[in-house]
Protein backbone atom coordinates (compact mmCIF):
# COMPACT_ATOMS: atom_id res chain seq x y z
CA MET A 1 -142.88 161.76 -14.63
CA ASN A 2 -140.92 158.97 -16.28
CA LYS A 3 -137.83 160.00 -18.21
CA LYS A 4 -137.70 159.33 -21.94
CA LEU A 5 -134.67 157.07 -22.23
CA LYS A 6 -131.94 157.02 -24.87
CA VAL A 7 -130.71 153.66 -26.16
CA GLY A 8 -127.83 152.63 -28.38
CA ILE A 9 -128.17 149.31 -30.23
CA VAL A 10 -125.09 147.20 -30.93
CA GLY A 11 -125.63 144.78 -33.79
CA ALA A 12 -127.69 145.58 -36.89
CA GLY A 13 -128.58 142.03 -37.83
CA ASN A 14 -131.90 140.22 -38.03
CA ILE A 15 -132.90 140.30 -34.35
CA ALA A 16 -132.32 144.06 -34.22
CA THR A 17 -134.01 144.99 -37.50
CA SER A 18 -136.90 142.49 -37.34
CA CYS A 19 -137.71 142.58 -33.63
CA HIS A 20 -136.03 145.24 -31.47
CA LEU A 21 -136.17 148.26 -33.75
CA PRO A 22 -139.87 147.81 -34.68
CA SER A 23 -140.63 147.51 -30.95
CA TYR A 24 -138.74 150.73 -30.24
CA GLN A 25 -140.91 152.43 -32.85
CA GLU A 26 -144.00 151.25 -30.93
CA LEU A 27 -142.51 152.67 -27.73
CA SER A 28 -141.24 155.94 -29.21
CA ASP A 29 -143.00 157.97 -26.52
CA ARG A 30 -140.84 156.26 -23.88
CA VAL A 31 -137.49 155.61 -25.55
CA GLU A 32 -135.39 157.04 -28.37
CA VAL A 33 -132.89 155.00 -30.38
CA VAL A 34 -130.07 157.51 -30.77
CA ALA A 35 -127.47 155.28 -32.43
CA ILE A 36 -126.76 151.85 -33.83
CA ALA A 37 -123.37 150.15 -34.23
CA ASP A 38 -122.23 147.17 -36.26
CA ILE A 39 -118.82 145.75 -37.23
CA VAL A 40 -120.05 146.11 -40.82
CA PRO A 41 -120.61 149.90 -41.04
CA GLU A 42 -122.79 149.61 -44.15
CA ARG A 43 -125.18 147.39 -42.22
CA ALA A 44 -125.41 149.93 -39.41
CA LYS A 45 -125.95 152.72 -41.95
CA ASP A 46 -128.75 150.79 -43.69
CA ALA A 47 -130.54 150.08 -40.41
CA ALA A 48 -130.15 153.69 -39.27
CA GLU A 49 -131.63 155.02 -42.50
CA LYS A 50 -134.50 152.49 -42.51
CA PHE A 51 -135.56 153.20 -38.92
CA GLY A 52 -134.69 156.88 -38.67
CA VAL A 53 -131.81 156.45 -36.22
CA PRO A 54 -129.69 159.64 -36.26
CA HIS A 55 -126.22 158.13 -35.81
CA TYR A 56 -124.37 154.92 -36.67
CA TYR A 57 -120.96 153.55 -35.69
CA ASP A 58 -118.65 150.62 -36.38
CA SER A 59 -118.13 149.49 -32.76
CA VAL A 60 -119.56 149.70 -29.27
CA GLU A 61 -116.54 151.76 -28.24
CA ALA A 62 -117.23 154.34 -30.96
CA LEU A 63 -120.90 154.46 -30.00
CA LEU A 64 -120.13 154.99 -26.32
CA ALA A 65 -117.64 157.73 -27.16
CA GLY A 66 -120.00 159.46 -29.58
CA GLU A 67 -123.15 159.16 -27.46
CA PRO A 68 -122.10 159.85 -23.85
CA ASP A 69 -125.71 160.54 -22.78
CA VAL A 70 -127.09 157.15 -23.81
CA ASP A 71 -128.94 155.47 -20.93
CA TYR A 72 -128.52 151.86 -21.96
CA ILE A 73 -127.06 149.56 -24.57
CA ASP A 74 -129.19 146.93 -26.33
CA ILE A 75 -126.95 144.00 -27.38
CA CYS A 76 -128.02 142.22 -30.59
CA VAL A 77 -124.71 140.69 -31.74
CA TRP A 78 -123.66 137.06 -32.16
CA THR A 79 -123.31 135.18 -28.90
CA ALA A 80 -119.53 135.20 -28.49
CA ALA A 81 -119.58 139.01 -28.75
CA HIS A 82 -122.04 139.47 -25.88
CA ALA A 83 -119.31 139.51 -23.25
CA PRO A 84 -116.99 142.14 -24.77
CA VAL A 85 -119.90 144.43 -25.66
CA ALA A 86 -121.59 144.05 -22.26
CA ILE A 87 -118.33 144.60 -20.38
CA ALA A 88 -117.58 147.74 -22.41
CA ALA A 89 -121.08 149.06 -21.71
CA ALA A 90 -120.82 148.31 -17.98
CA LYS A 91 -117.44 150.00 -17.70
CA ALA A 92 -118.99 153.07 -19.31
CA GLY A 93 -121.71 153.04 -16.64
CA LYS A 94 -124.50 152.10 -19.05
CA HIS A 95 -127.39 149.78 -18.28
CA ILE A 96 -127.66 146.68 -20.46
CA LEU A 97 -130.38 144.78 -22.31
CA CYS A 98 -128.78 141.66 -23.82
CA GLU A 99 -130.25 139.14 -26.24
CA LYS A 100 -130.30 135.51 -25.16
CA PRO A 101 -128.31 133.46 -24.33
CA LEU A 102 -126.18 135.37 -21.84
CA ALA A 103 -122.91 134.25 -23.39
CA ALA A 104 -121.13 131.61 -25.47
CA SER A 105 -119.72 129.99 -22.33
CA LEU A 106 -120.16 130.03 -18.57
CA GLU A 107 -116.77 131.73 -18.21
CA GLN A 108 -117.92 134.59 -20.44
CA GLY A 109 -121.21 134.81 -18.57
CA LEU A 110 -119.45 135.11 -15.22
CA ALA A 111 -117.26 137.87 -16.67
CA ILE A 112 -120.40 139.81 -17.65
CA GLU A 113 -121.85 139.31 -14.18
CA ALA A 114 -118.66 140.58 -12.53
CA ALA A 115 -118.58 143.70 -14.74
CA VAL A 116 -122.27 144.45 -14.13
CA LYS A 117 -121.91 144.12 -10.35
CA GLU A 118 -118.73 146.19 -10.24
CA ALA A 119 -120.34 148.98 -12.26
CA GLY A 120 -123.63 148.84 -10.37
CA VAL A 121 -125.70 148.97 -13.57
CA GLN A 122 -128.97 147.26 -14.38
CA PHE A 123 -128.83 144.17 -16.60
CA MET A 124 -131.74 142.35 -18.19
CA LEU A 125 -131.51 139.24 -20.36
CA ALA A 126 -133.86 139.41 -23.33
CA VAL A 127 -135.66 136.08 -22.97
CA VAL A 128 -138.89 137.09 -24.66
CA THR A 129 -141.07 134.12 -23.76
CA ARG A 130 -141.13 135.22 -20.11
CA TYR A 131 -143.07 138.28 -21.27
CA GLY A 132 -145.95 136.61 -23.09
CA ALA A 133 -149.51 137.15 -21.84
CA GLU A 134 -150.04 133.47 -21.09
CA GLN A 135 -146.77 133.18 -19.20
CA GLN A 136 -147.54 136.23 -17.09
CA LYS A 137 -151.04 134.89 -16.40
CA VAL A 138 -149.47 131.69 -15.05
CA ILE A 139 -147.26 133.75 -12.73
CA GLU A 140 -150.38 135.57 -11.52
CA LEU A 141 -152.16 132.26 -10.86
CA GLU A 142 -149.07 130.84 -9.15
CA ASN A 143 -149.04 133.81 -6.78
CA GLU A 144 -152.69 133.07 -5.99
CA GLY A 145 -151.76 129.48 -5.07
CA VAL A 146 -153.72 127.88 -7.91
CA PHE A 147 -151.01 125.35 -8.82
CA GLY A 148 -149.79 124.49 -5.34
CA GLU A 149 -146.19 123.27 -5.63
CA ILE A 150 -144.97 122.93 -9.22
CA TYR A 151 -142.66 119.93 -8.97
CA TYR A 152 -142.30 118.59 -12.52
CA ALA A 153 -142.24 120.06 -16.00
CA LYS A 154 -141.66 119.02 -19.60
CA THR A 155 -140.59 121.33 -22.37
CA SER A 156 -139.55 121.05 -25.99
CA TYR A 157 -138.42 123.16 -28.90
CA MET A 158 -138.10 120.71 -31.77
CA ARG A 159 -137.59 121.53 -35.43
CA ARG A 160 -137.62 118.69 -37.96
CA ARG A 161 -135.37 120.62 -40.33
CA GLY A 162 -134.63 124.13 -39.11
CA THR A 163 -130.90 124.66 -38.82
CA PRO A 164 -129.94 128.28 -39.51
CA GLY A 165 -126.88 129.16 -41.56
CA GLY A 166 -124.01 131.57 -41.07
CA TRP A 167 -122.45 132.05 -37.65
CA PHE A 168 -125.13 129.98 -35.86
CA THR A 169 -123.37 126.72 -36.78
CA ASP A 170 -119.91 127.97 -35.77
CA LYS A 171 -119.28 126.97 -32.16
CA GLU A 172 -116.58 129.62 -31.71
CA LEU A 173 -119.06 132.38 -32.55
CA ALA A 174 -122.32 130.83 -31.28
CA GLY A 175 -121.07 128.82 -28.30
CA GLY A 176 -123.25 125.88 -29.35
CA GLY A 177 -126.13 124.87 -31.56
CA PRO A 178 -129.86 124.51 -30.80
CA VAL A 179 -129.22 124.17 -27.05
CA LEU A 180 -128.03 127.79 -26.89
CA ASP A 181 -130.12 129.14 -29.75
CA ILE A 182 -133.65 127.86 -29.12
CA GLY A 183 -133.23 125.50 -26.15
CA VAL A 184 -132.53 128.50 -23.95
CA HIS A 185 -136.08 129.75 -24.62
CA ALA A 186 -137.74 126.49 -23.59
CA ILE A 187 -135.49 125.88 -20.58
CA ASP A 188 -135.52 129.47 -19.32
CA ARG A 189 -139.29 129.86 -19.66
CA THR A 190 -140.03 126.57 -17.95
CA TRP A 191 -137.57 127.09 -15.08
CA TYR A 192 -138.99 130.60 -14.54
CA LEU A 193 -142.57 129.32 -14.47
CA MET A 194 -141.57 126.54 -12.05
CA GLY A 195 -140.59 129.28 -9.59
CA ARG A 196 -136.84 129.26 -10.33
CA PRO A 197 -135.92 126.18 -8.24
CA LYS A 198 -132.22 125.78 -7.49
CA PRO A 199 -130.64 123.46 -10.10
CA ILE A 200 -128.69 120.54 -8.64
CA SER A 201 -127.65 118.34 -11.57
CA VAL A 202 -128.28 117.52 -15.21
CA SER A 203 -128.07 114.40 -17.36
CA ALA A 204 -127.99 114.96 -21.11
CA GLU A 205 -127.02 113.58 -24.48
CA ILE A 206 -126.50 115.60 -27.64
CA SER A 207 -126.43 114.38 -31.24
CA TYR A 208 -124.32 115.29 -34.28
CA ARG A 209 -125.85 112.58 -36.49
CA ILE A 210 -127.70 114.70 -39.12
CA GLY A 211 -125.37 117.67 -39.40
CA ASP A 212 -125.25 119.87 -42.50
CA TYR A 213 -128.16 118.16 -44.24
CA LYS A 214 -129.00 118.58 -47.91
CA THR A 215 -132.71 117.74 -47.63
CA LYS A 216 -134.56 118.70 -50.82
CA GLY A 217 -137.30 121.29 -50.52
CA VAL A 218 -135.88 122.69 -47.27
CA GLY A 219 -134.46 126.20 -47.21
CA ARG A 220 -132.03 127.70 -44.74
CA TRP A 221 -132.53 130.94 -42.84
CA GLU A 222 -129.35 132.99 -43.25
CA PRO A 223 -128.41 135.66 -40.69
CA PHE A 224 -126.86 138.94 -41.78
CA GLY A 225 -123.51 137.89 -40.30
CA LYS A 226 -122.30 135.00 -42.44
CA GLY A 227 -119.47 134.01 -40.09
CA ARG A 228 -116.60 131.75 -41.17
CA GLY A 229 -118.50 129.01 -43.00
CA VAL A 230 -117.97 126.51 -40.16
CA PHE A 231 -120.45 123.78 -39.16
CA ASP A 232 -119.48 122.14 -35.86
CA THR A 233 -122.61 122.45 -33.69
CA GLU A 234 -125.06 119.77 -32.50
CA ASP A 235 -128.37 118.72 -34.11
CA SER A 236 -130.35 117.98 -30.96
CA ALA A 237 -130.30 117.31 -27.23
CA SER A 238 -132.28 115.34 -24.67
CA VAL A 239 -132.01 116.64 -21.10
CA PHE A 240 -133.09 115.80 -17.54
CA PHE A 241 -132.63 118.41 -14.80
CA ARG A 242 -132.84 117.80 -11.05
CA PHE A 243 -133.71 120.71 -8.77
CA GLU A 244 -133.68 121.26 -5.04
CA GLY A 245 -136.72 119.87 -3.26
CA GLY A 246 -137.15 116.82 -5.50
CA LYS A 247 -138.30 118.86 -8.51
CA SER A 248 -137.35 118.00 -12.10
CA MET A 249 -137.61 119.04 -15.75
CA VAL A 250 -137.32 117.14 -19.02
CA ALA A 251 -136.27 119.12 -22.11
CA GLU A 252 -136.02 118.11 -25.78
CA ILE A 253 -134.33 120.42 -28.29
CA SER A 254 -133.49 120.12 -31.98
CA TRP A 255 -132.65 121.97 -35.14
CA ALA A 256 -132.77 118.72 -37.09
CA ILE A 257 -134.42 115.44 -36.11
CA ASN A 258 -136.53 112.82 -37.86
CA GLY A 259 -139.76 113.43 -35.99
CA THR A 260 -142.56 115.90 -35.42
CA GLU A 261 -142.03 119.55 -34.62
CA SER A 262 -143.10 120.97 -31.27
CA ALA A 263 -142.73 124.02 -29.05
CA THR A 264 -144.37 123.19 -25.75
CA THR A 265 -144.17 123.57 -21.99
CA VAL A 266 -146.20 121.49 -19.54
CA LEU A 267 -146.26 122.27 -15.81
CA TYR A 268 -147.41 119.82 -13.14
CA GLY A 269 -148.34 121.12 -9.70
CA SER A 270 -149.75 119.53 -6.55
CA LYS A 271 -153.09 121.34 -7.05
CA ALA A 272 -153.17 121.98 -10.80
CA GLY A 273 -151.14 121.84 -13.99
CA CYS A 274 -151.17 123.64 -17.32
CA THR A 275 -150.29 123.67 -20.98
CA PHE A 276 -150.02 126.62 -23.39
CA ASP A 277 -151.29 127.85 -26.79
CA PRO A 278 -153.97 128.22 -25.57
CA LEU A 279 -153.33 128.39 -21.84
CA THR A 280 -155.23 125.47 -20.31
CA ILE A 281 -155.44 124.71 -16.59
CA TYR A 282 -156.00 121.12 -15.42
CA CYS A 283 -157.46 121.27 -11.91
CA GLU A 284 -160.38 120.32 -9.65
CA ASP A 285 -163.45 122.51 -9.34
CA SER A 286 -164.96 123.80 -6.09
CA ASP A 287 -166.96 120.55 -5.73
CA GLY A 288 -163.87 118.37 -6.15
CA TYR A 289 -164.50 117.20 -9.72
CA LEU A 290 -161.83 117.25 -12.43
CA SER A 291 -162.02 120.50 -14.38
CA THR A 292 -160.31 122.00 -17.43
CA VAL A 293 -160.24 125.79 -17.60
CA LYS A 294 -158.98 128.10 -20.36
CA PRO A 295 -158.33 131.58 -18.91
CA GLU A 296 -158.64 134.44 -21.38
CA THR A 297 -155.51 136.37 -22.25
CA THR A 298 -154.84 139.09 -24.82
CA PRO A 299 -151.93 138.30 -27.16
CA VAL A 300 -149.00 140.73 -26.98
CA ASN A 301 -145.79 141.38 -28.89
CA TYR A 302 -143.21 139.62 -26.70
CA PHE A 303 -140.34 141.89 -27.81
CA THR A 304 -142.31 145.07 -27.19
CA GLU A 305 -143.36 143.87 -23.74
CA GLU A 306 -139.84 142.93 -22.66
CA ILE A 307 -138.48 146.33 -23.75
CA ARG A 308 -141.42 148.07 -22.08
CA HIS A 309 -140.57 146.18 -18.88
CA PHE A 310 -136.90 147.17 -19.01
CA ILE A 311 -137.82 150.84 -19.51
CA PHE A 312 -140.13 150.59 -16.48
CA CYS A 313 -137.34 149.01 -14.41
CA LEU A 314 -134.85 151.74 -15.31
CA ASN A 315 -137.34 154.51 -14.53
CA THR A 316 -138.33 152.97 -11.19
CA ASP A 317 -135.02 151.37 -10.17
CA THR A 318 -136.77 147.99 -10.12
CA THR A 319 -135.00 144.66 -10.67
CA PRO A 320 -136.12 143.09 -13.97
CA ILE A 321 -137.88 139.73 -13.95
CA SER A 322 -134.95 138.34 -15.98
CA PRO A 323 -131.95 139.79 -14.09
CA ILE A 324 -128.25 138.91 -14.29
CA SER A 325 -128.60 136.35 -11.48
CA ASP A 326 -131.20 134.39 -13.49
CA ALA A 327 -129.12 134.72 -16.65
CA VAL A 328 -126.09 133.19 -14.92
CA THR A 329 -128.13 130.35 -13.42
CA VAL A 330 -129.58 129.44 -16.82
CA GLN A 331 -126.08 129.66 -18.33
CA ARG A 332 -124.91 127.16 -15.69
CA MET A 333 -127.75 124.85 -16.72
CA LEU A 334 -126.83 125.14 -20.41
CA ASP A 335 -123.16 124.59 -19.62
CA GLY A 336 -124.14 121.48 -17.66
CA ILE A 337 -125.90 120.02 -20.71
CA TYR A 338 -122.68 120.06 -22.73
CA ARG A 339 -120.55 118.78 -19.83
CA SER A 340 -122.94 115.93 -19.16
CA ALA A 341 -123.14 114.95 -22.82
CA GLU A 342 -119.35 114.97 -23.12
CA ALA A 343 -118.98 112.79 -20.02
CA HIS A 344 -122.06 110.62 -20.81
CA LYS A 345 -123.17 110.87 -17.20
CA GLU A 346 -125.04 113.12 -14.78
CA VAL A 347 -123.05 116.15 -13.63
CA GLU A 348 -123.54 118.72 -10.90
CA ILE A 349 -124.60 122.26 -11.81
């Protein structure tokens, strides 16, 4: 019989209260949230009272000391705090679920990896779009050989005006702008669905041309953590990745750009290709004619499914489908985007 796990959440901001905690309520027969911590104690207290969490603390250290029986730590803090929280959890022998991206820099990401490996704990990066029904259906079809070799992909996450406020625009706290905030979703999902080919190089440019816009009629989403009032992150990025075996990916990312909005991934394989929303397969039928097929899938709550998967992995000692090794590889790819843009040339990953 599977053990009912105990989790401590660090960070009581929007991602915790809007996404993780409601999902834990759905999975209450499998996991119990025993504590929540936040550097603003009142915020932790409010979240604890709202979601019926018995204890709250003002730091990960206090949580770990007060809840020695917790099975894992769920990290929902701003990006630059991922490393210190994850390292503290690993040193305490606790498994880790960490919101994307892995870290604010490659150096911080490698420090998390080292701590996780030294402690021998499980780590899963919370990249929710891997856990959608359509994405998992594609993995199933890939395993059946439907696509052949997926050798090229295009992906985008483009907002016309969608720059968040607070700490998101502070490079010291966020690590970067839309590349790390929403670009990680598009790039991670697409690389995963391509079969995780080894990245070789990247050529990218990023733009700071629109900045802290004052467009009328456009609101700003404000996170709970206001940060330092700094705005030094990029507006957008255009990216070309090369992978081992002659495979490639094009990615477009923006918080602010003068164009249409999109959130897409397109896969091209030697036998078939696909698009999403709805999942559509472009292939040949059994008689050799061009065919377009739309497999049926049942929509799921991405956050609930990723947490359900992590619980399964901990109870069965199974490696998650978004493990620390994948998290570090994607962090190398994100790091390469900024290095390439700074050098205005292709760089190795």
